[in-house]
C-alpha atoms as a PDB file:
ATOM      1  CA  MET A   1      11.189 -20.831  66.930  1.00  0.00           C
ATOM      2  CA  THR A   2       9.313 -20.788  63.553  1.00  0.00           C
ATOM      3  CA  THR A   3      10.547 -22.438  60.264  1.00  0.00           C
ATOM      4  CA  THR A   4      10.093 -21.443  56.693  1.00  0.00           C
ATOM      5  CA  THR A   5       9.781 -23.787  54.115  1.00  0.00           C
ATOM      6  CA  VAL A   6      11.871 -22.584  50.157  1.00  0.00           C
ATOM      7  CA  THR A   7       9.746 -23.793  47.687  1.00  0.00           C
ATOM      8  CA  LYS A   8      12.495 -25.807  44.773  1.00  0.00           C
ATOM      9  CA  GLU A   9      11.064 -22.955  43.027  1.00  0.00           C
ATOM     10  CA  GLN A  10      11.946 -20.246  44.880  1.00  0.00           C
ATOM     11  CA  LYS A  11      15.070 -21.766  45.438  1.00  0.00           C
ATOM     12  CA  VAL A  12      16.419 -21.296  41.860  1.00  0.00           C
ATOM     13  CA  LEU A  13      15.085 -18.060  42.190  1.00  0.00           C
ATOM     14  CA  ASN A  14      17.193 -16.897  44.511  1.00  0.00           C
ATOM     15  CA  ALA A  15      20.415 -18.965  42.666  1.00  0.00           C
ATOM     16  CA  LEU A  16      19.109 -16.817  39.425  1.00  0.00           C
ATOM     17  CA  GLN A  17      19.320 -13.488  41.383  1.00  0.00           C
ATOM     18  CA  GLU A  18      22.739 -14.748  42.295  1.00  0.00           C
ATOM     19  CA  GLY A  19      23.964 -14.118  39.231  1.00  0.00           C
ATOM     20  CA  ARG A  20      24.423 -18.427  38.784  1.00  0.00           C
ATOM     21  CA  THR A  21      23.509 -19.757  35.463  1.00  0.00           C
ATOM     22  CA  LEU A  22      21.987 -22.446  35.084  1.00  0.00           C
ATOM     23  CA  SER A  23      21.388 -25.203  33.558  1.00  0.00           C
ATOM     24  CA  SER A  24      18.203 -28.664  33.056  1.00  0.00           C
ATOM     25  CA  ALA A  25      20.534 -30.406  34.370  1.00  0.00           C
ATOM     26  CA  GLN A  26      21.990 -28.054  37.364  1.00  0.00           C
ATOM     27  CA  MET A  27      18.764 -27.995  38.624  1.00  0.00           C
ATOM     28  CA  LYS A  28      17.656 -31.050  38.358  1.00  0.00           C
ATOM     29  CA  SER A  29      20.513 -32.152  40.461  1.00  0.00           C
ATOM     30  CA  PHE A  30      20.648 -29.408  43.107  1.00  0.00           C
ATOM     31  CA  PHE A  31      17.064 -28.096  44.069  1.00  0.00           C
ATOM     32  CA  ASN A  32      16.272 -31.850  43.419  1.00  0.00           C
ATOM     33  CA  VAL A  33      13.371 -30.023  40.694  1.00  0.00           C
ATOM     34  CA  GLY A  34      11.120 -32.746  38.264  1.00  0.00           C
ATOM     35  CA  ASN A  35      10.979 -29.975  35.451  1.00  0.00           C
ATOM     36  CA  PRO A  36      13.209 -27.608  35.424  1.00  0.00           C
ATOM     37  CA  GLN A  37      11.322 -26.191  31.703  1.00  0.00           C
ATOM     38  CA  ALA A  38       8.029 -25.941  33.863  1.00  0.00           C
ATOM     39  CA  VAL A  39       9.890 -24.003  37.245  1.00  0.00           C
ATOM     40  CA  ILE A  40      11.774 -21.905  33.661  1.00  0.00           C
ATOM     41  CA  GLN A  41       7.942 -21.197  33.027  1.00  0.00           C
ATOM     42  CA  GLN A  42       6.114 -20.543  36.038  1.00  0.00           C
ATOM     43  CA  LEU A  43       9.185 -17.793  36.693  1.00  0.00           C
ATOM     44  CA  ARG A  44       8.943 -15.440  33.362  1.00  0.00           C
ATOM     45  CA  PHE A  45       5.025 -15.315  33.731  1.00  0.00           C
ATOM     46  CA  LYS A  46       5.377 -13.982  37.228  1.00  0.00           C
ATOM     47  CA  GLY A  47       7.568 -11.462  35.771  1.00  0.00           C
ATOM     48  CA  PHE A  48      11.145 -12.311  35.331  1.00  0.00           C
ATOM     49  CA  PRO A  49      13.198 -12.313  32.233  1.00  0.00           C
ATOM     50  CA  ILE A  50      14.310 -14.913  32.365  1.00  0.00           C
ATOM     51  CA  TYR A  51      17.276 -15.959  28.998  1.00  0.00           C
ATOM     52  CA  LEU A  52      18.181 -19.499  27.625  1.00  0.00           C
ATOM     53  CA  ASN A  53      21.938 -19.122  26.590  1.00  0.00           C
ATOM     54  CA  THR A  54      23.996 -21.441  24.179  1.00  0.00           C
ATOM     55  CA  VAL A  55      27.842 -21.754  26.304  1.00  0.00           C
ATOM     56  CA  THR A  56      30.815 -23.552  25.533  1.00  0.00           C
ATOM     57  CA  ASP A  57      33.458 -24.681  27.199  1.00  0.00           C
ATOM     58  CA  THR A  58      36.953 -24.733  26.548  1.00  0.00           C
ATOM     59  CA  LYS A  59      36.987 -28.438  24.909  1.00  0.00           C
ATOM     60  CA  GLY A  60      33.503 -26.811  21.975  1.00  0.00           C
ATOM     61  CA  ARG A  61      31.473 -28.827  23.851  1.00  0.00           C
ATOM     62  CA  THR A  62      27.590 -27.087  23.775  1.00  0.00           C
ATOM     63  CA  ARG A  63      25.289 -27.058  26.528  1.00  0.00           C
ATOM     64  CA  ASN A  64      21.635 -24.574  27.302  1.00  0.00           C
ATOM     65  CA  VAL A  65      21.723 -22.359  30.466  1.00  0.00           C
ATOM     66  CA  TYR A  66      19.458 -20.247  31.713  1.00  0.00           C
ATOM     67  CA  ARG A  67      20.262 -16.752  33.208  1.00  0.00           C
ATOM     68  CA  LEU A  68      18.236 -13.829  34.582  1.00  0.00           C
ATOM     69  CA  GLY A  69      18.508 -10.224  32.518  1.00  0.00           C
ATOM     70  CA  THR A  70      17.436  -6.920  31.591  1.00  0.00           C
ATOM     71  CA  ALA A  71      14.003  -6.871  29.631  1.00  0.00           C
ATOM     72  CA  SER A  72      14.487  -4.982  27.286  1.00  0.00           C
ATOM     73  CA  ARG A  73      12.455  -1.635  26.824  1.00  0.00           C
ATOM     74  CA  ALA A  74      10.882  -3.446  23.744  1.00  0.00           C
ATOM     75  CA  VAL A  75       9.578  -5.664  25.760  1.00  0.00           C
ATOM     76  CA  VAL A  76       8.376  -3.319  28.459  1.00  0.00           C
ATOM     77  CA  ALA A  77       6.768  -1.754  26.116  1.00  0.00           C
ATOM     78  CA  ALA A  78       4.410  -4.684  24.916  1.00  0.00           C
ATOM     79  CA  GLY A  79       2.893  -5.639  28.180  1.00  0.00           C
ATOM     80  CA  TYR A  80       2.260  -1.711  28.811  1.00  0.00           C
ATOM     81  CA  ARG A  81       0.339  -2.301  25.156  1.00  0.00           C
ATOM     82  CA  ALA A  82      -1.513  -5.346  26.057  1.00  0.00           C
ATOM     83  CA  ILE A  83      -1.965  -4.423  29.240  1.00  0.00           C
ATOM     84  CA  ALA A  84      -3.548  -1.289  27.758  1.00  0.00           C
ATOM     85  CA  ASN A  85      -5.389  -2.378  25.890  1.00  0.00           C
ATOM     86  CA  GLY A  86      -6.518  -5.241  27.566  1.00  0.00           C
ATOM     87  CA  THR A  87      -5.347  -8.381  26.620  1.00  0.00           C
ATOM     88  CA  VAL A  88      -3.845  -9.143  29.661  1.00  0.00           C
END
C-alpha cells in the first residue's frame, strides 16, 4: 500500500478548485499554513489566477478572502507578449 503526501499548498489549491473562498485565518487553522500570503504567491507563480476579494457579512463586517478565478484575456495576452519578448 502506498501513501501519498499532500502538501499544504496542494490542500489550499484543492479547496480553491472546489469553489471555496479562503481567508488567511482559515488557511492557518484548516491547513496549518504558517504564511498564507506566501502560499498564494507560489500558486500565482505557477499560473493559477487567484484573486483577493473583500466580502461583507450580514452584520456589516468585512474580511478579505482568496478565490480561484478566470484570468481575463488582457492578462493572458500580456503573458504571451512577455514570453514572446523574452522577458519571462
